[in-house]
Amino acid sequence: MATSPAGSVRVPHTTRGAELSEFFAPQRTASTALPDPEPFVRNLTRGVLEVLAGVREVDQLARWLTEDPYRKLVTRANLATRARSARGMPAKRPSHAILSVRESSPADGVIEAVVIVQGPARTRAVAMRLEGMDGRWRATSLALL
């Protein structure tokens, strides 16, 4: 290893790069340092339903989702838009009522939730997994059933 003029040992670039990427990567957050997840669960559910109805852009939910659920939601929103277009139906604001929210915590900083939503035609469930990252909740898995 090379030494600097002051006599201190220089850390190889690869080791420093690994330490920096770990430092700047999303950091897990304990449940005690996170806000109550229920308002987040309700708002995310409303946002997902509005995206699929075509009245909200998927980008508005990007800060609440990790990459995988974001990509899946984009795909599903595009399919819903095409289906509405093929039927000649305009996008309209959905009228859903949240009937219940169930949460469980399988690990510290992790919440798994199911939201039962009643719409005009049918009742649906939205299942999600939230993980505490960088002091806030983010959805790492999302399914509309």
C-alpha atoms as a PDB file:
ATOM      1  CA  MET A   1       0.000   0.000   0.000  1.00  0.00           C
ATOM      2  CA  ALA A   2       1.157   3.460  -0.787  1.00  0.00           C
ATOM      3  CA  THR A   3       1.645   6.016   1.924  1.00  0.00           C
ATOM      4  CA  SER A   4       0.798   9.663   1.689  1.00  0.00           C
ATOM      5  CA  PRO A   5       3.395  12.371   2.347  1.00  0.00           C
ATOM      6  CA  ALA A   6       2.125  12.755   5.899  1.00  0.00           C
ATOM      7  CA  GLY A   7       2.908   9.102   6.536  1.00  0.00           C
ATOM      8  CA  SER A   8      -0.683   7.858   6.839  1.00  0.00           C
ATOM      9  CA  VAL A   9      -1.760   4.739   5.004  1.00  0.00           C
ATOM     10  CA  ARG A  10      -4.058   5.298   2.020  1.00  0.00           C
ATOM     11  CA  VAL A  11      -7.089   3.041   1.697  1.00  0.00           C
ATOM     12  CA  PRO A  12      -7.421   1.338  -1.700  1.00  0.00           C
ATOM     13  CA  HIS A  13     -10.088   2.878  -3.931  1.00  0.00           C
ATOM     14  CA  THR A  14     -12.145  -0.338  -4.133  1.00  0.00           C
ATOM     15  CA  THR A  15     -12.531  -0.587  -0.353  1.00  0.00           C
ATOM     16  CA  ARG A  16     -13.479   3.066  -0.087  1.00  0.00           C
ATOM     17  CA  GLY A  17     -16.010   2.657  -2.918  1.00  0.00           C
ATOM     18  CA  ALA A  18     -17.684  -0.276  -1.158  1.00  0.00           C
ATOM     19  CA  GLU A  19     -17.873   1.667   2.104  1.00  0.00           C
ATOM     20  CA  LEU A  20     -19.310   4.716   0.346  1.00  0.00           C
ATOM     21  CA  SER A  21     -21.939   2.704  -1.532  1.00  0.00           C
ATOM     22  CA  GLU A  22     -23.050   1.094   1.741  1.00  0.00           C
ATOM     23  CA  PHE A  23     -23.114   4.495   3.415  1.00  0.00           C
ATOM     24  CA  PHE A  24     -25.239   6.099   0.669  1.00  0.00           C
ATOM     25  CA  ALA A  25     -27.494   3.066   0.083  1.00  0.00           C
ATOM     26  CA  PRO A  26     -30.961   3.088   1.659  1.00  0.00           C
ATOM     27  CA  GLN A  27     -30.572   2.554   5.395  1.00  0.00           C
ATOM     28  CA  ARG A  28     -33.030   0.376   7.309  1.00  0.00           C
ATOM     29  CA  THR A  29     -34.959   2.184  10.019  1.00  0.00           C
ATOM     30  CA  ALA A  30     -36.344   0.685  13.233  1.00  0.00           C
ATOM     31  CA  SER A  31     -40.113   0.790  13.843  1.00  0.00           C
ATOM     32  CA  THR A  32     -39.656   3.090  16.835  1.00  0.00           C
ATOM     33  CA  ALA A  33     -38.109   5.760  14.587  1.00  0.00           C
ATOM     34  CA  LEU A  34     -40.946   5.604  12.025  1.00  0.00           C
ATOM     35  CA  PRO A  35     -44.386   7.244  12.023  1.00  0.00           C
ATOM     36  CA  ASP A  36     -47.648   5.316  12.399  1.00  0.00           C
ATOM     37  CA  PRO A  37     -48.030   3.311   9.160  1.00  0.00           C
ATOM     38  CA  GLU A  38     -51.844   3.378   8.905  1.00  0.00           C
ATOM     39  CA  PRO A  39     -52.199   6.838   7.287  1.00  0.00           C
ATOM     40  CA  PHE A  40     -49.456   5.886   4.841  1.00  0.00           C
ATOM     41  CA  VAL A  41     -51.221   2.596   4.012  1.00  0.00           C
ATOM     42  CA  ARG A  42     -54.532   4.396   3.418  1.00  0.00           C
ATOM     43  CA  ASN A  43     -52.958   7.130   1.255  1.00  0.00           C
ATOM     44  CA  LEU A  44     -50.941   4.661  -0.799  1.00  0.00           C
ATOM     45  CA  THR A  45     -54.065   2.567  -1.408  1.00  0.00           C
ATOM     46  CA  ARG A  46     -56.011   5.624  -2.585  1.00  0.00           C
ATOM     47  CA  GLY A  47     -53.110   6.644  -4.797  1.00  0.00           C
ATOM     48  CA  VAL A  48     -52.845   3.197  -6.421  1.00  0.00           C
ATOM     49  CA  LEU A  49     -56.581   3.126  -7.155  1.00  0.00           C
ATOM     50  CA  GLU A  50     -56.405   6.625  -8.667  1.00  0.00           C
ATOM     51  CA  VAL A  51     -53.435   5.620 -10.840  1.00  0.00           C
ATOM     52  CA  LEU A  52     -55.316   2.605 -12.179  1.00  0.00           C
ATOM     53  CA  ALA A  53     -58.400   4.772 -12.796  1.00  0.00           C
ATOM     54  CA  GLY A  54     -56.223   7.140 -14.851  1.00  0.00           C
ATOM     55  CA  VAL A  55     -56.670  10.281 -12.750  1.00  0.00           C
ATOM     56  CA  ARG A  56     -53.211  10.292 -11.124  1.00  0.00           C
ATOM     57  CA  GLU A  57     -49.752   9.920 -12.630  1.00  0.00           C
ATOM     58  CA  VAL A  58     -47.676   6.967 -11.435  1.00  0.00           C
ATOM     59  CA  ASP A  59     -44.738   9.327 -10.930  1.00  0.00           C
ATOM     60  CA  GLN A  60     -46.577  10.916  -8.005  1.00  0.00           C
ATOM     61  CA  LEU A  61     -46.244   7.632  -6.088  1.00  0.00           C
ATOM     62  CA  ALA A  62     -42.577   7.030  -6.983  1.00  0.00           C
ATOM     63  CA  ARG A  63     -41.251   8.372  -3.671  1.00  0.00           C
ATOM     64  CA  TRP A  64     -43.431   5.874  -1.778  1.00  0.00           C
ATOM     65  CA  LEU A  65     -42.423   2.789  -3.788  1.00  0.00           C
ATOM     66  CA  THR A  66     -39.211   0.899  -4.361  1.00  0.00           C
ATOM     67  CA  GLU A  67     -38.210   0.096  -7.929  1.00  0.00           C
ATOM     68  CA  ASP A  68     -39.966  -3.268  -8.370  1.00  0.00           C
ATOM     69  CA  PRO A  69     -43.496  -2.263  -7.280  1.00  0.00           C
ATOM     70  CA  TYR A  70     -43.089   1.018  -9.176  1.00  0.00           C
ATOM     71  CA  ARG A  71     -42.325  -0.804 -12.439  1.00  0.00           C
ATOM     72  CA  LYS A  72     -45.223  -3.219 -11.921  1.00  0.00           C
ATOM     73  CA  LEU A  73     -47.606  -0.345 -11.229  1.00  0.00           C
ATOM     74  CA  VAL A  74     -46.448   1.477 -14.379  1.00  0.00           C
ATOM     75  CA  THR A  75     -47.129  -1.650 -16.433  1.00  0.00           C
ATOM     76  CA  ARG A  76     -50.549  -2.188 -14.894  1.00  0.00           C
ATOM     77  CA  ALA A  77     -51.485   1.490 -15.322  1.00  0.00           C
ATOM     78  CA  ASN A  78     -50.517   1.341 -19.006  1.00  0.00           C
ATOM     79  CA  LEU A  79     -52.691  -1.753 -19.488  1.00  0.00           C
ATOM     80  CA  ALA A  80     -55.614  -0.041 -17.745  1.00  0.00           C
ATOM     81  CA  THR A  81     -55.185   3.030 -19.964  1.00  0.00           C
ATOM     82  CA  ARG A  82     -55.198   0.888 -23.093  1.00  0.00           C
ATOM     83  CA  ALA A  83     -58.299  -0.984 -21.918  1.00  0.00           C
ATOM     84  CA  ARG A  84     -60.145   2.295 -21.254  1.00  0.00           C
ATOM     85  CA  SER A  85     -59.076   3.627 -24.642  1.00  0.00           C
ATOM     86  CA  ALA A  86     -60.255   0.495 -26.462  1.00  0.00           C
ATOM     87  CA  ARG A  87     -63.676   0.797 -24.813  1.00  0.00           C
ATOM     88  CA  GLY A  88     -63.832   4.564 -25.378  1.00  0.00           C
ATOM     89  CA  MET A  89     -64.191   5.288 -21.665  1.00  0.00           C
ATOM     90  CA  PRO A  90     -62.711   8.469 -20.187  1.00  0.00           C
ATOM     91  CA  ALA A  91     -60.687   8.424 -16.974  1.00  0.00           C
ATOM     92  CA  LYS A  92     -62.834   9.321 -13.979  1.00  0.00           C
ATOM     93  CA  ARG A  93     -62.113   9.624 -10.290  1.00  0.00           C
ATOM     94  CA  PRO A  94     -62.883   6.363  -8.502  1.00  0.00           C
ATOM     95  CA  SER A  95     -65.379   6.316  -5.645  1.00  0.00           C
ATOM     96  CA  HIS A  96     -63.998   3.756  -3.242  1.00  0.00           C
ATOM     97  CA  ALA A  97     -64.548   3.332   0.468  1.00  0.00           C
ATOM     98  CA  ILE A  98     -61.848   1.797   2.653  1.00  0.00           C
ATOM     99  CA  LEU A  99     -63.639  -0.815   4.731  1.00  0.00           C
ATOM    100  CA  SER A 100     -60.756  -2.108   6.838  1.00  0.00           C
ATOM    101  CA  VAL A 101     -57.000  -2.015   7.271  1.00  0.00           C
ATOM    102  CA  ARG A 102     -55.133  -4.967   8.760  1.00  0.00           C
ATOM    103  CA  GLU A 103     -51.461  -4.694   9.679  1.00  0.00           C
ATOM    104  CA  SER A 104     -48.905  -7.123  11.027  1.00  0.00           C
ATOM    105  CA  SER A 105     -45.233  -6.693  11.764  1.00  0.00           C
ATOM    106  CA  PRO A 106     -43.154  -9.788  10.947  1.00  0.00           C
ATOM    107  CA  ALA A 107     -39.890  -7.983  11.790  1.00  0.00           C
ATOM    108  CA  ASP A 108     -38.668  -4.686  13.182  1.00  0.00           C
ATOM    109  CA  GLY A 109     -39.121  -1.941  10.596  1.00  0.00           C
ATOM    110  CA  VAL A 110     -41.421  -4.104   8.433  1.00  0.00           C
ATOM    111  CA  ILE A 111     -45.212  -3.920   8.098  1.00  0.00           C
ATOM    112  CA  GLU A 112     -47.397  -6.196   6.002  1.00  0.00           C
ATOM    113  CA  ALA A 113     -50.852  -4.741   5.426  1.00  0.00           C
ATOM    114  CA  VAL A 114     -54.086  -5.595   3.646  1.00  0.00           C
ATOM    115  CA  VAL A 115     -56.655  -2.932   2.849  1.00  0.00           C
ATOM    116  CA  ILE A 116     -60.195  -3.952   1.915  1.00  0.00           C
ATOM    117  CA  VAL A 117     -61.719  -1.434  -0.502  1.00  0.00           C
ATOM    118  CA  GLN A 118     -65.318  -1.307  -1.669  1.00  0.00           C
ATOM    119  CA  GLY A 119     -65.969   0.147  -5.104  1.00  0.00           C
ATOM    120  CA  PRO A 120     -69.164   0.660  -7.065  1.00  0.00           C
ATOM    121  CA  ALA A 121     -68.872  -2.710  -8.852  1.00  0.00           C
ATOM    122  CA  ARG A 122     -66.884  -4.922  -6.484  1.00  0.00           C
ATOM    123  CA  THR A 123     -64.858  -5.197  -3.327  1.00  0.00           C
ATOM    124  CA  ARG A 124     -61.099  -5.547  -3.684  1.00  0.00           C
ATOM    125  CA  ALA A 125     -58.053  -6.046  -1.512  1.00  0.00           C
ATOM    126  CA  VAL A 126     -54.747  -4.208  -1.720  1.00  0.00           C
ATOM    127  CA  ALA A 127     -51.866  -6.087  -0.112  1.00  0.00           C
ATOM    128  CA  MET A 128     -48.544  -4.395   0.578  1.00  0.00           C
ATOM    129  CA  ARG A 129     -45.270  -4.795   2.416  1.00  0.00           C
ATOM    130  CA  LEU A 130     -43.731  -1.676   3.871  1.00  0.00           C
ATOM    131  CA  GLU A 131     -40.162  -1.370   5.044  1.00  0.00           C
ATOM    132  CA  GLY A 132     -38.638   1.482   6.972  1.00  0.00           C
ATOM    133  CA  MET A 133     -35.901   3.092   4.873  1.00  0.00           C
ATOM    134  CA  ASP A 134     -34.121   6.333   5.589  1.00  0.00           C
ATOM    135  CA  GLY A 135     -36.594   7.325   8.300  1.00  0.00           C
ATOM    136  CA  ARG A 136     -39.787   6.764   6.277  1.00  0.00           C
ATOM    137  CA  TRP A 137     -42.007   3.955   5.032  1.00  0.00           C
ATOM    138  CA  ARG A 138     -41.582   2.647   1.480  1.00  0.00           C
ATOM    139  CA  ALA A 139     -43.604  -0.094  -0.190  1.00  0.00           C
ATOM    140  CA  THR A 140     -41.380  -2.964  -1.333  1.00  0.00           C
ATOM    141  CA  SER A 141     -44.267  -5.124  -2.538  1.00  0.00           C
ATOM    142  CA  LEU A 142     -47.722  -4.171  -3.756  1.00  0.00           C
ATOM    143  CA  ALA A 143     -50.636  -6.245  -5.103  1.00  0.00           C
ATOM    144  CA  LEU A 144     -54.165  -5.271  -6.073  1.00  0.00           C
ATOM    145  CA  LEU A 145     -56.386  -8.318  -5.772  1.00  0.00           C
END
